[in-house]
Amino acid sequence: MKERKHPFRLAVSDLGTSAFVAGHPHHKTRDAQMTTAPMMNRRQIGQGAAALAVLLAMPRSGYAADAKPVIIASEEDVSTLDPHLIRNNHPIGTVVWSVFDSLVRRNADGSHEPRLALSWEQAEPTRWRFKLRPDVMFHNGENFDAAAVVFNFNRMNVSPYNAESQLWPGTNLKAVVAVDPMTVDLVTAEPTINMLYWLEEAFVGAPKYLKDTAPEVVSANPIGSGPYRFVSWKQGDRVTLTANPTYWNGAPPIKDVVFRDIPELSSRINELKAGSVDVAVGLTPDTAGGAKSPNSKVVAVNSLRKMHMGISFTGIAPLKDKRVRQALNHAVDVQTMIDTLQGGMTKPLLSLVNPPNNDPSLKPFAYDVEKAKSLLKAAGQEGFELQVAYGRYPGAKEVSETVASYLEAIGLKPKLEAYETGRFEEMLKQKAFTGIYYYGWASLINPSVELVILTSDAVDNSNGYNNPEYDKLVKTASVTLDEAKRKAILKQAEDFIWDECPWVYLWYLPAIYGLSTRLDYAVRPDEYIEIYRAKLAG
């Protein structure tokens, strides 16, 4: 099909990224033997792990014979490894990023890097064209092509995958078209500025394997085309990966990687200091100093995750009054909590939009007990009982207890409720909290996507906020190609939602990691761990 010239055409270079070249600077073609490897038949695919063992037996070079695996210790285990059911950035997202590739990959600064797509352009307002990378093979021997993209993207649009994947609703996608074996068009119902963002979370798996294999097998035995191949998952304990020697970008520097589930922070720290783990996730300001040793160091970065107390709009009646929600914000001394509970390692939230894209005129709500009481009195909502729930985040118990004490000071009756991680996540999905709950959102740098969270039909809208005026602003911005007009609409939406107080605004989560001194790795601010970019020091 001949490409059409169109006045709305937007090349990759127009999107603020250098990823418009026809190839990647580190692109490597695989050898002829691997390129012509035969496809696995259905019986072999169904056996998954056994077929993979054959592939893993292939010789590889460039690794020290005595190099022990790099071990990443996390607060929790993965719950699935299906590439279309990612429920958190880490550990599920991290492992999926290691095993699978997407057309585009998001860099730590929010820029876009070509992966399975060599280049792209917005050929028309509602048509994006992607040129695909040739000679890419899935770990089971299937070939990557346009048909694989079509199958995977259509799979994301059916249950249960459409409950997690945002590619279709986030971009107004209506059709995925294979123009030729290495070209794909994504056709949208309306123009979209967020195509690349959602493609960065749209992973492509081996299509025949996905089609012919039971969902529970796919979830436990993932087959992608990424830098690492899946070896095993011992639930409640560890996921083991090994380097893909035929990866299109070259085998990663570290051969074997293990993701361990170590819920207790003290245990993660002790194992880090002893040299038995290489990355300890989820350190807190008060424990960071104790994680340093001859074997380990501590690295902190400015996180993009906005911590807050979500305010339920599906629970008790008082919270539906904006004056009450504003009162809750004036009742909490956020700076003192940062100084005491966060070691002064972060700052109060300035907006629902992350810097540097936030409106600088917005300011945190001032700590003012008398104003909080006055707002409650004006709303006729004094002395009510309020659920204060918490679950997975580091220091959640202490944060929630402190917030509760501030709410008692303005005459409310807070009731603390603790949830284990799985149950907490279910409560979020069901919008089941009746009061407020400690949570974090949006580890990204994209105003249009960040503001989507509080639109009425957003999958991740866990507090049930629903305002047609706000929905219209966010929706209009997402389909406005004119940059100046779009920024003006986004600012209007940003200011509107800040005043609405759907959250008790707290702070940016400090991202603190313990790293082995044998590991050379630059951590990201969005919680993903790109272990394929790491190497052993020395």
Foldseek 3Di string as FASTA:
>chain_A
DDADADPVKFWLVNLVAPLADQADPLFDAFDPCLLPDDFDDLVLLQVQQVLLVVLVPDDDDDDDPPDDAAEAEEQFDDPFQQLLADDACPDNVQVNQAQWAFQWAADLARHIHGDQFSTWMQSDQFKIKTFGDANFAKSSSAGDWLVQVQQQVVVCVDPPSVLRQCQCVQQQWDHWDRPDRGMIMTGHPFGFPCNRVSRNSRTTFRRVSVVSYDPVCCGFRPMHRHQWHWNGDDHQFKTKIAGDCRRRSGHFQGGIYIYTNDNDLVVLLVCQQVVNHFKYFADAQVCQVVSDHPFKHKDWDQAPKFKFWFFAPPADDVSVDLLLLLLLLLLDPQVVCCVPGRVVQWDFDQFLAGPPLADNVGDRRHNDLVSSLVSCVVSVHAAEEAEEEEEDHPPQVVVSVRSQVSVVSSRYHYDYDYDYPVVVSVLQQVLPHRGIYIDIDDRHHDLLVSLCCQDQPDSRVRRRHYDPVLNVLSVVLRRDPPVVVSSVSSNVSGVVVVSSNSTNGHTGDITMMMGTPQKDADDRSRPHGNCSNIHTDD
